[in-house]
Protein backbone atom coordinates (compact mmCIF):
# COMPACT_ATOMS: atom_id res chain seq x y z
CA MET A 1 -26.87 6.84 2.24
CA SER A 2 -26.66 10.34 1.02
CA SER A 3 -24.98 10.44 -2.38
CA PRO A 4 -25.01 12.02 -5.80
CA ALA A 5 -27.46 10.77 -8.57
CA ASN A 6 -27.61 6.97 -8.88
CA PRO A 7 -26.47 5.98 -12.47
CA TYR A 8 -26.61 2.09 -11.57
CA SER A 9 -30.51 1.62 -11.00
CA GLY A 10 -31.61 -1.14 -13.20
CA LYS A 11 -28.27 -1.84 -14.65
CA LYS A 12 -27.11 -5.35 -15.47
CA THR A 13 -23.74 -5.37 -13.64
CA VAL A 14 -20.81 -8.10 -13.12
CA VAL A 15 -18.21 -7.84 -10.30
CA LEU A 16 -14.97 -9.62 -11.02
CA GLY A 17 -13.51 -11.14 -7.91
CA LEU A 18 -14.86 -12.35 -4.66
CA GLY A 19 -12.44 -10.57 -2.46
CA ARG A 20 -13.44 -7.92 0.15
CA SER A 21 -13.51 -5.06 -2.49
CA GLY A 22 -15.73 -7.24 -4.90
CA ILE A 23 -18.11 -8.10 -2.09
CA ALA A 24 -18.34 -4.44 -1.09
CA ALA A 25 -18.88 -3.33 -4.79
CA ALA A 26 -21.65 -5.99 -5.23
CA ARG A 27 -23.42 -4.92 -2.05
CA LEU A 28 -23.17 -1.34 -2.99
CA LEU A 29 -24.60 -1.97 -6.38
CA LEU A 30 -27.52 -3.92 -4.80
CA ARG A 31 -28.14 -1.04 -2.71
CA CYS A 32 -28.24 1.03 -5.80
CA GLY A 33 -30.90 -1.12 -7.33
CA ALA A 34 -28.53 -2.96 -9.87
CA ASP A 35 -28.91 -6.48 -11.16
CA VAL A 36 -25.52 -7.98 -9.82
CA THR A 37 -23.55 -10.92 -10.75
CA ILE A 38 -20.08 -11.67 -9.29
CA CYS A 39 -17.56 -14.04 -11.26
CA ASP A 40 -14.43 -15.67 -9.68
CA SER A 41 -12.29 -18.28 -11.18
CA GLY A 42 -11.38 -19.68 -7.90
CA GLU A 43 -13.13 -22.71 -6.10
CA SER A 44 -11.73 -22.64 -2.61
CA GLU A 45 -13.84 -23.13 0.37
CA LEU A 46 -13.60 -19.62 1.36
CA ILE A 47 -14.89 -18.68 -2.15
CA LYS A 48 -17.80 -21.16 -1.88
CA ASP A 49 -18.73 -19.74 1.64
CA ARG A 50 -18.71 -16.24 0.31
CA ALA A 51 -20.70 -17.32 -2.50
CA LYS A 52 -23.40 -18.83 -0.37
CA LEU A 53 -23.79 -15.70 1.71
CA LEU A 54 -23.98 -13.44 -1.37
CA LYS A 55 -26.68 -15.67 -3.23
CA LYS A 56 -28.95 -15.17 -0.09
CA GLU A 57 -28.49 -11.45 -0.45
CA GLY A 58 -29.59 -11.57 -4.08
CA VAL A 59 -26.41 -11.67 -5.98
CA THR A 60 -25.91 -14.29 -8.73
CA VAL A 61 -22.41 -15.87 -8.28
CA VAL A 62 -20.47 -17.77 -10.96
CA CYS A 63 -17.33 -19.59 -9.70
CA GLY A 64 -14.64 -21.91 -11.07
CA GLU A 65 -13.73 -22.45 -14.70
CA GLY A 66 -17.10 -21.33 -15.96
CA ALA A 67 -16.59 -17.86 -14.65
CA ALA A 68 -14.19 -16.98 -17.63
CA ARG A 69 -16.84 -18.23 -20.12
CA ASP A 70 -19.75 -16.47 -18.65
CA PRO A 71 -21.96 -15.76 -21.77
CA VAL A 72 -24.07 -12.86 -20.32
CA GLN A 73 -23.89 -9.41 -21.81
CA TYR A 74 -23.70 -7.01 -19.09
CA ASP A 75 -24.05 -3.12 -19.02
CA LEU A 76 -21.13 -2.58 -16.58
CA SER A 77 -18.25 -4.60 -15.10
CA ILE A 78 -16.38 -3.88 -11.88
CA ILE A 79 -12.87 -5.27 -11.39
CA SER A 80 -11.24 -6.04 -8.02
CA PRO A 81 -7.64 -4.59 -7.98
CA GLY A 82 -5.91 -7.85 -7.67
CA ILE A 83 -7.16 -9.10 -11.05
CA GLY A 84 -5.04 -8.24 -13.93
CA GLU A 85 -6.74 -6.99 -17.20
CA THR A 86 -5.20 -9.75 -19.22
CA THR A 87 -6.63 -12.56 -17.18
CA PRO A 88 -9.29 -14.80 -18.92
CA LEU A 89 -12.10 -13.39 -16.58
CA VAL A 90 -11.43 -9.93 -17.66
CA LEU A 91 -10.82 -10.75 -21.36
CA ASN A 92 -14.24 -12.44 -21.43
CA VAL A 93 -15.94 -9.30 -20.40
CA LYS A 94 -13.73 -7.03 -22.66
CA ALA A 95 -14.67 -9.21 -25.66
CA LYS A 96 -18.26 -8.35 -25.33
CA GLY A 97 -17.40 -4.62 -25.22
CA THR A 98 -18.57 -4.14 -21.59
CA PRO A 99 -17.46 -1.04 -19.92
CA LEU A 100 -14.87 -1.72 -17.10
CA ILE A 101 -14.11 0.32 -13.99
CA GLY A 102 -12.73 -0.54 -10.47
CA GLU A 103 -14.23 -0.65 -7.04
CA LEU A 104 -12.59 2.69 -6.20
CA GLU A 105 -14.19 4.37 -9.17
CA LEU A 106 -17.52 2.95 -8.32
CA ALA A 107 -17.51 4.15 -4.75
CA PHE A 108 -16.12 7.57 -5.75
CA SER A 109 -19.13 8.05 -8.15
CA LEU A 110 -21.60 7.45 -5.34
CA SER A 111 -19.87 9.45 -2.77
CA GLU A 112 -20.46 13.12 -1.66
CA TRP A 113 -17.39 13.56 0.35
CA PRO A 114 -13.94 15.03 -0.77
CA VAL A 115 -11.01 12.70 -0.93
CA VAL A 116 -7.34 12.74 0.24
CA ALA A 117 -5.78 10.18 -1.91
CA ILE A 118 -2.36 8.68 -1.10
CA THR A 119 -0.08 6.72 -3.43
CA GLY A 120 3.69 5.74 -3.68
CA SER A 121 5.70 2.61 -3.78
CA ASN A 122 6.55 2.87 -0.13
CA GLY A 123 4.83 4.40 2.83
CA LYS A 124 1.10 4.46 1.69
CA THR A 125 -0.39 2.58 4.59
CA THR A 126 1.57 4.41 7.25
CA THR A 127 0.84 7.74 5.71
CA THR A 128 -2.83 7.00 5.35
CA GLU A 129 -3.00 6.11 9.17
CA LEU A 130 -0.96 9.31 10.07
CA THR A 131 -3.02 11.59 7.79
CA THR A 132 -6.29 10.29 9.19
CA LEU A 133 -5.23 10.44 12.90
CA MET A 134 -3.75 13.98 12.32
CA LEU A 135 -6.84 15.31 10.60
CA GLN A 136 -9.07 13.78 13.35
CA GLY A 137 -6.84 15.41 16.02
CA ALA A 138 -7.42 18.76 14.12
CA GLY A 139 -11.25 18.16 14.55
CA LEU A 140 -12.16 16.93 10.97
CA ARG A 141 -14.52 13.98 10.74
CA CYS A 142 -12.54 11.46 8.63
CA ALA A 143 -11.91 7.76 8.17
CA SER A 144 -9.41 5.87 5.92
CA CYS A 145 -10.10 3.31 3.54
CA GLY A 146 -9.11 1.99 0.16
CA ASN A 147 -5.90 -0.35 -0.22
CA ILE A 148 -5.32 0.11 3.39
CA GLY A 149 -8.03 -2.69 4.09
CA THR A 150 -11.53 -1.24 4.19
CA PRO A 151 -12.84 -0.80 0.67
CA MET A 152 -14.24 2.76 -0.04
CA SER A 153 -17.63 0.96 -1.18
CA GLU A 154 -17.92 -0.61 2.30
CA LEU A 155 -17.12 2.71 4.07
CA ILE A 156 -19.77 4.80 2.37
CA MET A 157 -22.51 2.19 3.11
CA THR A 158 -22.02 2.69 6.86
CA GLY A 159 -24.37 5.71 7.09
CA GLU A 160 -21.70 7.82 8.85
CA VAL A 161 -21.09 11.47 7.82
CA TRP A 162 -17.72 12.64 7.07
CA ASP A 163 -15.71 15.89 6.35
CA ILE A 164 -13.23 13.85 4.11
CA LEU A 165 -12.17 10.45 3.22
CA VAL A 166 -8.35 9.37 3.43
CA VAL A 167 -7.89 6.85 0.65
CA GLU A 168 -4.93 4.79 0.10
CA VAL A 169 -4.72 4.13 -3.61
CA SER A 170 -2.46 1.41 -5.35
CA SER A 171 -1.41 1.54 -9.04
CA PHE A 172 -3.85 -1.32 -9.74
CA GLN A 173 -6.84 0.76 -8.42
CA LEU A 174 -5.73 3.81 -10.55
CA GLU A 175 -5.63 1.68 -13.73
CA THR A 176 -9.44 1.69 -13.92
CA ILE A 177 -10.51 5.17 -12.84
CA LYS A 178 -12.71 7.46 -14.94
CA THR A 179 -13.77 10.36 -12.86
CA PHE A 180 -11.83 9.80 -9.60
CA ARG A 181 -10.59 13.25 -8.39
CA PRO A 182 -8.90 13.71 -4.99
CA LYS A 183 -9.12 17.14 -3.44
CA VAL A 184 -5.68 16.36 -2.25
CA ALA A 185 -3.28 13.86 -3.92
CA LEU A 186 -0.21 12.81 -2.06
CA TRP A 187 2.60 11.34 -4.18
CA LEU A 188 5.13 9.75 -1.77
CA ASN A 189 7.80 8.08 -4.09
CA LEU A 190 8.45 5.70 -6.97
CA SER A 191 10.77 2.62 -6.96
CA PRO A 192 10.62 -0.64 -8.95
CA ASN A 193 7.67 -2.67 -8.04
CA HIS A 194 5.04 -4.93 -9.58
CA LEU A 195 7.15 -5.65 -12.73
CA ASP A 196 5.46 -9.01 -12.87
CA ARG A 197 2.30 -6.82 -13.87
CA TYR A 198 3.82 -3.90 -15.77
CA PRO A 199 6.16 -4.39 -18.75
CA SER A 200 8.44 -1.75 -17.38
CA ILE A 201 8.71 0.88 -14.62
CA ASN A 202 7.52 3.55 -16.90
CA GLU A 203 4.26 1.65 -17.33
CA TYR A 204 4.15 1.44 -13.45
CA ARG A 205 4.72 5.02 -13.06
CA GLU A 206 2.04 5.98 -15.73
CA ALA A 207 -0.52 4.12 -13.62
CA LYS A 208 0.30 5.79 -10.43
CA LEU A 209 0.29 9.34 -12.25
CA ARG A 210 -3.19 9.06 -12.98
CA ILE A 211 -3.95 10.02 -9.42
CA PHE A 212 -3.47 13.60 -10.70
CA GLU A 213 -5.37 12.98 -14.07
CA ASN A 214 -8.64 14.65 -13.02
CA GLN A 215 -7.51 17.35 -10.58
CA LYS A 216 -8.31 20.98 -11.22
CA GLU A 217 -6.55 24.16 -10.37
CA SER A 218 -8.54 24.46 -7.22
CA ASP A 219 -7.17 20.98 -6.03
CA TRP A 220 -3.95 20.26 -4.18
CA ALA A 221 -0.97 17.96 -4.78
CA VAL A 222 1.59 17.14 -2.19
CA ILE A 223 4.83 15.85 -3.71
CA PRO A 224 8.60 15.59 -3.05
CA PHE A 225 10.65 18.69 -3.53
CA ALA A 226 12.83 18.36 -6.75
CA ASN A 227 10.63 15.69 -8.43
CA ASP A 228 10.60 14.68 -11.85
CA LEU A 229 6.82 14.67 -12.14
CA PRO A 230 5.14 16.01 -15.14
CA LYS A 231 3.06 19.19 -15.13
CA ILE A 232 0.27 19.08 -12.60
CA LYS A 233 -2.75 21.19 -12.73
CA ALA A 234 -3.27 21.35 -8.98
CA LYS A 235 -1.56 23.71 -6.42
CA LYS A 236 1.48 22.30 -4.90
CA ILE A 237 3.06 21.74 -1.47
CA THR A 238 6.40 20.18 -1.47
CA PHE A 239 8.30 18.22 1.10
CA GLY A 240 11.96 16.92 1.43
CA LEU A 241 14.32 15.54 3.83
CA THR A 242 17.63 16.95 2.24
CA SER A 243 16.89 20.15 0.54
CA PRO A 244 15.98 23.48 2.52
CA LYS A 245 13.93 24.72 -0.43
CA GLY A 246 10.78 22.76 -0.05
CA ASP A 247 7.69 24.02 1.93
CA LEU A 248 8.12 21.22 4.31
CA THR A 249 11.80 20.55 5.43
CA LEU A 250 13.95 18.89 8.00
CA GLN A 251 16.34 20.73 10.44
CA GLY A 252 17.96 18.29 12.90
CA ARG A 253 14.96 16.53 14.49
CA GLU A 254 12.55 19.49 13.66
CA ILE A 255 10.03 19.40 10.78
CA MET A 256 9.63 23.02 9.46
CA TYR A 257 6.92 24.45 7.51
CA LEU A 258 8.00 27.70 5.58
CA GLU A 259 10.99 27.83 8.07
CA LYS A 260 8.85 27.66 11.21
CA SER A 261 8.98 24.40 13.37
CA ILE A 262 5.87 22.51 13.68
CA LEU A 263 6.96 19.25 15.14
CA ASP A 264 9.85 17.85 17.22
CA LEU A 265 10.24 14.18 16.12
CA SER A 266 11.79 13.29 19.46
CA THR A 267 8.39 13.67 20.95
CA THR A 268 6.99 10.85 18.65
CA GLN A 269 7.54 7.11 18.27
CA LEU A 270 8.52 7.34 14.73
CA HIS A 271 11.99 6.72 13.69
CA GLY A 272 13.94 6.54 10.34
CA PRO A 273 13.88 8.82 7.20
CA HIS A 274 10.97 6.93 5.63
CA ASN A 275 8.83 7.77 8.64
CA THR A 276 9.93 11.43 8.56
CA ALA A 277 8.85 11.83 4.91
CA ASN A 278 5.60 10.20 5.81
CA VAL A 279 4.94 12.68 8.53
CA MET A 280 5.80 15.50 6.08
CA ALA A 281 3.30 14.36 3.46
CA ALA A 282 0.63 13.97 6.08
CA PHE A 283 1.18 17.61 7.21
CA GLY A 284 0.89 18.57 3.69
CA ALA A 285 -2.48 17.22 3.39
CA GLY A 286 -3.45 19.02 6.56
CA ILE A 287 -2.07 22.32 5.25
CA ALA A 288 -4.07 21.84 1.93
CA LEU A 289 -7.21 21.49 3.96
CA GLY A 290 -6.37 24.37 6.41
CA ALA A 291 -6.09 22.08 9.51
CA ASP A 292 -4.63 23.35 12.52
CA LEU A 293 -0.90 22.33 12.52
CA GLY A 294 -0.54 22.50 16.35
CA ARG A 295 -3.35 19.97 16.85
CA MET A 296 -2.02 17.80 14.19
CA ALA A 297 1.35 17.79 15.74
CA LYS A 298 -0.26 16.76 19.16
CA ALA A 299 -2.18 14.01 17.63
CA ILE A 300 0.94 12.30 16.13
CA SER A 301 2.41 11.98 19.63
CA SER A 302 0.18 9.13 20.42
CA TYR A 303 0.82 7.36 17.24
CA THR A 304 2.32 3.78 17.42
CA PRO A 305 3.83 2.68 14.11
CA PRO A 306 2.01 -0.48 12.40
CA PRO A 307 3.45 -3.81 12.86
CA HIS A 308 5.77 -5.31 10.22
CA ARG A 309 7.44 -2.08 9.35
CA CYS A 310 10.81 -1.95 11.02
CA GLU A 311 9.09 -3.31 14.13
CA PHE A 312 11.37 -4.28 16.93
CA ILE A 313 10.42 -7.95 18.07
CA ALA A 314 12.88 -8.95 20.69
CA GLU A 315 16.30 -9.23 21.96
CA ARG A 316 17.77 -12.69 21.97
CA GLY A 317 21.50 -13.53 23.10
CA GLY A 318 22.27 -9.88 23.08
CA MET A 319 21.00 -9.62 19.37
CA ARG A 320 18.17 -7.23 18.17
CA TRP A 321 15.58 -8.88 15.87
CA ILE A 322 13.56 -6.30 13.56
CA ASN A 323 10.55 -7.34 11.50
CA ASP A 324 10.18 -5.42 8.24
CA SER A 325 7.98 -7.89 6.37
CA LYS A 326 5.93 -5.03 4.95
CA ALA A 327 9.24 -4.05 2.85
CA THR A 328 8.20 -5.46 -0.55
CA THR A 329 10.29 -3.16 -2.63
CA LEU A 330 13.97 -2.17 -2.91
CA ASP A 331 13.30 1.41 -1.69
CA ALA A 332 11.68 -0.01 1.52
CA MET A 333 14.58 -2.40 1.98
CA GLU A 334 17.07 0.49 1.45
CA GLN A 335 15.29 2.53 4.18
CA ALA A 336 15.42 -0.19 6.63
CA ILE A 337 19.17 -1.04 6.17
CA ARG A 338 19.99 2.63 6.54
CA SER A 339 18.11 2.91 9.76
CA VAL A 340 20.22 0.07 11.48
CA GLU A 341 23.61 0.98 13.09
CA GLY A 342 26.25 -1.59 13.82
CA PRO A 343 26.75 -5.43 12.83
CA LEU A 344 23.75 -6.33 10.55
CA ILE A 345 22.45 -9.76 9.18
CA LEU A 346 19.74 -9.36 6.55
CA ILE A 347 17.14 -11.91 5.86
CA ALA A 348 15.62 -11.19 2.32
CA GLY A 349 13.86 -12.61 -0.63
CA GLY A 350 10.41 -13.73 -1.71
CA LYS A 351 8.26 -13.70 -4.84
CA ASP A 352 9.89 -13.00 -8.15
CA LYS A 353 8.26 -9.72 -9.16
CA GLY A 354 10.56 -9.21 -12.37
CA PHE A 355 13.02 -6.48 -10.95
CA GLU A 356 16.55 -6.65 -10.29
CA PHE A 357 18.41 -6.34 -6.72
CA SER A 358 21.48 -5.13 -8.31
CA PRO A 359 20.64 -1.33 -7.76
CA ILE A 360 20.91 -1.94 -4.08
CA ALA A 361 23.98 -3.94 -4.04
CA PRO A 362 26.46 -1.29 -3.06
CA LEU A 363 24.53 -0.39 -0.09
CA VAL A 364 24.10 -4.01 1.14
CA ARG A 365 27.82 -4.58 0.43
CA GLU A 366 28.71 -1.73 2.73
CA HIS A 367 26.28 -2.31 5.75
CA VAL A 368 25.56 -6.14 5.64
CA ASP A 369 27.66 -8.66 7.28
CA VAL A 370 25.76 -11.65 5.69
CA ALA A 371 22.66 -12.00 3.79
CA ILE A 372 20.37 -15.00 4.19
CA LEU A 373 18.24 -15.44 1.13
CA ILE A 374 14.91 -17.16 0.84
CA GLY A 375 11.94 -17.65 -1.72
CA GLU A 376 11.69 -17.60 -5.42
CA MET A 377 14.03 -14.51 -5.49
CA ARG A 378 17.00 -16.18 -3.64
CA HIS A 379 18.97 -17.23 -6.59
CA ARG A 380 18.44 -14.03 -8.52
CA ILE A 381 19.38 -11.99 -5.39
CA ALA A 382 22.52 -13.90 -4.81
CA HIS A 383 23.49 -13.29 -8.53
CA ASP A 384 22.94 -9.54 -8.19
CA TRP A 385 24.75 -9.45 -4.83
CA LYS A 386 27.93 -11.16 -5.89
CA GLU A 387 30.16 -9.30 -3.54
CA VAL A 388 27.89 -9.70 -0.58
CA PRO A 389 28.42 -12.86 1.73
CA SER A 390 25.13 -14.76 1.05
CA VAL A 391 23.51 -17.99 2.11
CA LEU A 392 20.53 -19.50 0.39
CA VAL A 393 18.11 -21.50 2.58
CA GLU A 394 14.59 -23.01 1.80
CA SER A 395 12.45 -21.71 4.52
CA LEU A 396 12.04 -18.75 6.84
CA GLU A 397 12.54 -21.09 9.93
CA GLU A 398 15.80 -22.14 8.53
CA ALA A 399 16.80 -18.41 7.98
CA VAL A 400 16.02 -17.47 11.58
CA GLN A 401 17.90 -20.37 12.87
CA LEU A 402 21.05 -19.70 10.68
CA ALA A 403 20.96 -16.11 11.78
CA SER A 404 20.80 -16.88 15.48
CA LYS A 405 24.01 -18.89 15.08
CA LYS A 406 25.98 -16.40 12.85
CA GLY A 407 25.12 -13.38 15.08
CA ARG A 408 26.78 -12.11 18.07
CA PRO A 409 26.03 -9.65 20.87
CA GLY A 410 25.33 -6.39 19.31
CA THR A 411 24.07 -7.74 15.99
CA THR A 412 20.91 -6.72 14.35
CA VAL A 413 18.96 -9.25 12.54
CA LEU A 414 16.68 -7.41 10.04
CA PHE A 415 13.81 -9.24 8.03
CA SER A 416 13.38 -7.02 5.16
CA PRO A 417 12.40 -9.17 2.04
CA GLY A 418 12.36 -6.39 -0.47
CA THR A 419 9.72 -8.25 -2.50
CA SER A 420 6.25 -9.65 -1.89
CA SER A 421 5.31 -12.72 0.04
CA PHE A 422 2.99 -14.74 -2.32
CA ASP A 423 5.45 -17.47 -3.24
CA MET A 424 5.43 -18.71 0.55
CA PHE A 425 2.59 -16.68 2.40
CA ARG A 426 -0.73 -15.40 2.01
CA ASP A 427 0.52 -11.92 2.47
CA TYR A 428 3.15 -9.71 4.20
CA VAL A 429 1.20 -9.93 7.50
CA GLN A 430 1.25 -13.72 7.63
CA ARG A 431 4.84 -13.61 6.56
CA GLY A 432 5.80 -11.20 9.51
CA GLU A 433 3.79 -13.12 12.06
CA MET A 434 5.59 -16.06 11.19
CA TYR A 435 8.85 -14.24 11.66
CA ARG A 436 7.57 -12.98 14.95
CA ARG A 437 6.80 -16.49 16.31
CA LEU A 438 10.17 -17.99 15.20
CA VAL A 439 12.08 -15.23 16.89
CA GLU A 440 10.05 -15.41 20.09
CA GLN A 441 10.96 -19.26 20.03
CA LEU A 442 14.44 -18.54 20.33
CA PRO A 443 16.27 -19.11 23.62
CA ALA A 444 16.28 -16.05 25.57
């Protein structure tokens, strides 16, 4: 692996968390000649299987209750993004004064390739996929990684040579950066999210703003036009759906760059204002890198939107069923609701993430015939949506059955939870696949 100077050789390191990013970090540190331990408070069969595998590779593994009492003094700790800094596992490391970084920072410190980094409350994954596809279409050797699925540490161990890496970054990952510096940073949007982890939206916003922290005047920031972001050192490219003043604007179905058409959206499979904004941001990354816009536009015509985001599942009894399981914020739910025309039944709810649903109540009241509410949040949502006809149910299966009875030909049933899935499902993918199966089992 071609990389900058290796600062980890001989270091005594501990990785916190036996998830995919933790495993990738441990293997990268092993390759660098570090002494590696992994600590994880879990004791599931999956954790035990992963522990056995890593022990064979030379990693010391501490699992279960003892992980948070590990007495060893380490030179460095690497935290997985899903682990909060106030958990006993992390507090044990902090109490010994051990420096703490994330897997993203570790990988960046060992990579020689420039980075396009993408953050936002909604649209990160789609924009990461679009940016990668469009840059590849323009002839650049690039790959996507980060919060999208493949950890950056895993990607840089492949031995491949890249022109640039496209990295989806979450607020959790940005909390622990030190030197992470994107050549191009994309800020898509901000809406209430993860308020079960952050005391307020201001703390959540501050974590995300760190994407610009280490940028210099020679770098680029792709941001919405007329935003309320603080001063950014990097050069700016702006995009916007409603204002004609940004660098990237929308006229009808045409995306314009400096008043010149660069894409007719009718030639793509992308629908809805959220996808238009994602495409604009991806173009912004290409513009910053000097990529050929015509080749980028051609590449996007072959793009198929990812599952679980405003995904058409089936038509049953004249009713259209849409899977938007990936909508884990109010903003994503709002975009999905606005994309539907005609009678609408909304299935919503999930894990209680600490935010209110009242900001979206007027829109729901205007567009939704009935809301069927599930999960931990169902009672809070019903309270916040007092003027919306609502029914509370115990399961997604019950919600689908009820929707099929309440709907009529021409009705759209939209599953857009507006919050995460962890109260009832492993993740939004499992939640969306369950919805798909339930819909497909309905009588044709």
